[in-house]
N, C-alpha and C. Protein backbone atom coordinates (compact mmCIF):
# COMPACT_ATOMS: atom_id res chain seq x y z
N MET A 1 -121.67 92.74 176.89
CA MET A 1 -121.93 91.55 176.13
C MET A 1 -120.90 91.19 174.28
N ILE A 2 -120.66 90.48 174.04
CA ILE A 2 -120.21 90.12 172.76
C ILE A 2 -121.13 89.79 171.97
N ILE A 3 -122.20 89.08 171.69
CA ILE A 3 -123.10 88.65 170.49
C ILE A 3 -121.98 88.24 169.50
N VAL A 4 -122.27 87.71 168.27
CA VAL A 4 -121.57 86.88 167.21
C VAL A 4 -122.93 86.29 166.59
N CYS A 5 -122.71 87.02 165.08
CA CYS A 5 -123.85 86.89 163.85
C CYS A 5 -123.49 85.96 163.49
N SER A 6 -124.56 84.64 163.42
CA SER A 6 -124.86 82.97 163.03
C SER A 6 -124.25 83.62 161.86
N ASN A 7 -124.52 84.48 160.67
CA ASN A 7 -123.72 84.64 159.32
C ASN A 7 -123.01 84.78 158.91
N CYS A 8 -122.58 86.48 159.17
CA CYS A 8 -121.06 87.40 158.84
C CYS A 8 -120.31 87.45 159.55
N GLN A 9 -120.51 86.07 160.58
CA GLN A 9 -119.70 86.32 161.96
C GLN A 9 -118.87 87.38 162.49
N LYS A 10 -119.66 88.68 162.31
CA LYS A 10 -119.46 89.62 163.48
C LYS A 10 -119.64 90.41 164.12
N ASN A 11 -118.84 90.39 165.51
CA ASN A 11 -118.76 90.71 166.59
C ASN A 11 -119.85 92.06 166.90
N HIS A 12 -120.67 92.16 168.10
CA HIS A 12 -121.50 93.18 168.12
C HIS A 12 -121.33 93.31 169.81
N ASN A 13 -121.08 94.36 170.81
CA ASN A 13 -120.63 94.67 171.54
C ASN A 13 -121.74 95.37 171.95
N ILE A 14 -122.64 94.62 172.62
CA ILE A 14 -123.86 95.41 173.88
C ILE A 14 -123.86 95.19 174.74
N ASP A 15 -124.86 96.04 175.71
CA ASP A 15 -124.10 96.85 176.97
C ASP A 15 -125.21 95.15 177.56
N GLU A 16 -125.07 94.73 178.78
CA GLU A 16 -125.72 93.31 179.26
C GLU A 16 -127.10 93.69 179.20
N SER A 17 -127.44 95.03 180.08
CA SER A 17 -128.57 95.39 180.95
C SER A 17 -129.91 95.13 180.12
N LYS A 18 -128.83 95.78 178.53
CA LYS A 18 -130.34 95.63 177.34
C LYS A 18 -131.35 94.99 177.01
N ILE A 19 -130.04 93.92 176.84
CA ILE A 19 -130.20 92.51 176.58
C ILE A 19 -131.48 91.58 177.70
N PRO A 20 -132.72 91.39 177.59
CA PRO A 20 -133.72 91.05 177.85
C PRO A 20 -133.42 88.91 178.74
N ASP A 21 -133.96 88.64 179.77
CA ASP A 21 -134.03 87.28 180.12
C ASP A 21 -134.13 86.04 179.17
N GLN A 22 -135.47 86.86 178.89
CA GLN A 22 -136.04 85.58 178.15
C GLN A 22 -135.35 85.82 176.45
N PRO A 23 -135.32 84.37 175.43
CA PRO A 23 -134.82 84.28 174.34
C PRO A 23 -135.53 85.88 173.25
N VAL A 24 -134.96 85.99 172.99
CA VAL A 24 -134.87 87.15 171.43
C VAL A 24 -134.40 86.69 169.76
N ARG A 25 -135.47 87.67 168.99
CA ARG A 25 -134.77 87.34 167.75
C ARG A 25 -134.09 88.64 167.59
N ILE A 26 -132.07 88.67 167.44
CA ILE A 26 -131.83 90.18 166.97
C ILE A 26 -130.85 90.35 165.74
N LYS A 27 -131.42 91.66 165.44
CA LYS A 27 -131.08 91.87 163.52
C LYS A 27 -129.43 92.07 163.74
N CYS A 28 -128.56 90.94 162.84
CA CYS A 28 -126.80 92.54 162.64
C CYS A 28 -127.62 93.16 161.85
N LYS A 29 -126.85 94.58 162.10
CA LYS A 29 -126.60 95.68 161.91
C LYS A 29 -125.74 95.74 160.30
N THR A 30 -125.29 94.67 160.25
CA THR A 30 -124.09 94.55 159.55
C THR A 30 -124.49 94.02 157.48
N CYS A 31 -125.71 92.91 158.46
CA CYS A 31 -125.90 92.02 157.31
C CYS A 31 -127.38 91.81 157.02
N GLY A 32 -127.99 92.05 158.30
CA GLY A 32 -128.79 92.02 157.55
C GLY A 32 -129.70 90.79 158.01
N HIS A 33 -129.05 89.68 158.55
CA HIS A 33 -129.48 88.10 159.66
C HIS A 33 -129.66 88.33 160.69
N SER A 34 -131.42 87.82 160.81
CA SER A 34 -132.02 88.25 161.99
C SER A 34 -131.31 86.44 162.32
N PHE A 35 -131.57 86.46 163.68
CA PHE A 35 -131.04 84.99 164.13
C PHE A 35 -131.32 85.05 165.79
N ARG A 36 -131.57 84.05 166.71
CA ARG A 36 -132.61 83.75 167.82
C ARG A 36 -131.19 83.85 168.49
N PHE A 37 -131.06 84.56 170.15
CA PHE A 37 -130.15 84.88 170.78
C PHE A 37 -131.20 84.86 172.31
N ASP A 38 -130.23 83.57 173.17
CA ASP A 38 -130.62 83.49 174.29
C ASP A 38 -129.05 83.28 175.39
N LYS A 39 -129.73 84.69 176.49
CA LYS A 39 -129.25 84.95 176.95
C LYS A 39 -128.45 84.09 178.10
N SER A 40 -130.19 82.51 178.58
CA SER A 40 -129.33 81.88 179.95
C SER A 40 -128.86 80.75 179.42
N SER A 41 -128.39 80.85 177.97
CA SER A 41 -128.12 79.42 177.20
C SER A 41 -126.96 79.60 178.14
N PRO A 42 -125.83 78.17 177.96
CA PRO A 42 -124.89 78.79 178.49
C PRO A 42 -124.06 78.99 177.09
N GLY A 43 -122.71 80.16 176.63
CA GLY A 43 -121.66 79.56 176.10
C GLY A 43 -123.01 80.54 174.71
N SER A 44 -124.01 81.89 175.06
CA SER A 44 -124.10 82.47 174.46
C SER A 44 -123.97 83.25 173.36
N ASP A 45 -122.48 83.79 174.53
CA ASP A 45 -121.93 84.67 174.21
C ASP A 45 -120.54 84.45 173.50
N ASP A 46 -120.32 82.98 173.41
CA ASP A 46 -119.39 82.95 172.14
C ASP A 46 -119.53 82.47 170.84
N LYS A 47 -118.86 82.67 170.28
CA LYS A 47 -119.33 82.04 168.91
C LYS A 47 -120.61 80.61 168.79
N PRO A 48 -121.29 80.69 167.43
CA PRO A 48 -122.10 80.22 167.67
C PRO A 48 -121.48 77.80 167.53
N GLY A 49 -121.71 76.92 167.81
CA GLY A 49 -121.67 76.20 168.23
C GLY A 49 -121.54 75.47 166.03
N GLY A 50 -120.20 74.92 165.97
CA GLY A 50 -119.95 73.78 165.06
C GLY A 50 -119.74 75.57 163.35
N ALA A 51 -119.36 76.30 163.77
CA ALA A 51 -119.87 77.81 162.73
C ALA A 51 -117.94 77.21 162.73
N LYS A 52 -117.64 78.02 161.84
CA LYS A 52 -116.22 77.95 161.43
C LYS A 52 -115.67 79.51 161.42
N PRO A 53 -114.40 79.38 161.85
CA PRO A 53 -113.66 80.97 161.86
C PRO A 53 -113.47 81.11 160.74
N VAL A 54 -113.19 82.57 160.42
CA VAL A 54 -113.14 83.20 159.58
C VAL A 54 -111.66 83.01 159.20
N VAL A 55 -111.38 82.86 157.88
CA VAL A 55 -109.86 82.42 157.41
C VAL A 55 -109.64 83.56 156.38
N ARG A 56 -107.97 84.33 156.23
CA ARG A 56 -108.05 85.10 155.60
C ARG A 56 -106.38 84.34 154.74
N ARG A 57 -106.90 84.47 153.35
CA ARG A 57 -105.61 84.47 153.12
C ARG A 57 -104.95 85.78 152.01
N ILE A 58 -104.27 86.22 152.81
CA ILE A 58 -103.27 87.35 151.86
C ILE A 58 -102.19 86.95 151.39
N GLY A 59 -101.68 87.54 149.87
CA GLY A 59 -100.41 86.15 149.34
C GLY A 59 -99.49 88.45 149.07
N VAL A 60 -98.41 88.23 149.33
CA VAL A 60 -97.48 88.98 148.75
C VAL A 60 -96.60 88.73 147.90
N CYS A 61 -97.00 89.06 146.57
CA CYS A 61 -95.96 88.16 145.64
C CYS A 61 -95.46 89.25 144.40
N LEU A 62 -94.02 89.83 144.67
CA LEU A 62 -93.21 90.20 143.34
C LEU A 62 -92.66 89.53 142.88
N SER A 63 -91.73 89.49 142.02
CA SER A 63 -90.77 88.54 141.55
C SER A 63 -89.10 89.27 141.55
N LYS A 64 -89.52 90.80 141.82
CA LYS A 64 -88.52 91.63 141.68
C LYS A 64 -87.85 91.22 143.34
N GLY A 65 -86.60 91.10 143.55
CA GLY A 65 -86.26 90.88 144.76
C GLY A 65 -85.59 92.92 145.54
N GLY A 66 -84.82 92.78 146.66
CA GLY A 66 -85.44 94.02 147.35
C GLY A 66 -86.33 95.10 147.03
N VAL A 67 -87.87 93.95 147.21
CA VAL A 67 -88.93 95.53 147.13
C VAL A 67 -89.73 95.48 147.99
N GLY A 68 -89.45 94.47 149.50
CA GLY A 68 -90.27 95.61 150.67
C GLY A 68 -91.45 94.26 150.70
N LYS A 69 -91.09 93.11 149.76
CA LYS A 69 -92.44 91.83 150.09
C LYS A 69 -92.67 91.50 151.62
N THR A 70 -91.58 91.25 151.96
CA THR A 70 -91.75 90.96 154.47
C THR A 70 -91.81 91.92 154.81
N THR A 71 -91.68 93.14 154.56
CA THR A 71 -92.31 94.30 154.95
C THR A 71 -93.29 94.11 154.84
N THR A 72 -93.58 94.39 154.13
CA THR A 72 -95.01 94.49 153.32
C THR A 72 -95.96 93.67 154.11
N ALA A 73 -95.91 92.36 154.37
CA ALA A 73 -96.54 90.88 154.80
C ALA A 73 -96.20 91.02 156.21
N VAL A 74 -95.47 91.38 157.06
CA VAL A 74 -95.61 91.63 158.27
C VAL A 74 -96.18 93.16 159.31
N ASN A 75 -96.61 94.18 157.77
CA ASN A 75 -96.67 95.30 158.64
C ASN A 75 -98.52 94.76 158.37
N VAL A 76 -99.32 94.29 156.94
CA VAL A 76 -99.96 93.98 156.96
C VAL A 76 -101.14 92.69 158.00
N ALA A 77 -99.93 91.63 158.59
CA ALA A 77 -100.53 91.14 159.53
C ALA A 77 -100.59 91.91 160.69
N ALA A 78 -99.38 92.76 161.67
CA ALA A 78 -99.61 93.27 162.72
C ALA A 78 -100.36 94.14 161.91
N GLY A 79 -101.36 94.71 161.96
CA GLY A 79 -102.79 95.79 160.99
C GLY A 79 -103.75 94.62 161.09
N LEU A 80 -103.40 93.49 160.51
CA LEU A 80 -105.03 92.88 160.44
C LEU A 80 -105.53 92.24 162.30
N SER A 81 -103.88 91.63 163.02
CA SER A 81 -104.05 90.99 164.35
C SER A 81 -104.45 92.94 165.40
N LEU A 82 -104.21 93.46 165.67
CA LEU A 82 -104.55 95.04 165.42
C LEU A 82 -106.59 95.04 165.94
N ALA A 83 -106.55 94.69 164.69
CA ALA A 83 -108.06 95.30 164.01
C ALA A 83 -108.89 94.14 165.07
N GLY A 84 -108.59 92.79 165.01
CA GLY A 84 -108.99 91.52 165.09
C GLY A 84 -109.68 90.33 164.46
């Protein structure tokens, strides 16, 4: 089961058998934020309601021609898509 931190949006892959049926407080290992998780609530393994997705904007700019701007941009995009 994937549980998403409501603070930093980090995905945590947790074995479903280790999560009790009653609501529990979970602490994010990345940011230390503590949040409530209820296994029985619908959509609890999705991103929290109302949370905006994290958007990254990366610019590759060099004024000189022929220095690999497009190749760099394509490789960065491919690497980010593989990383999730």
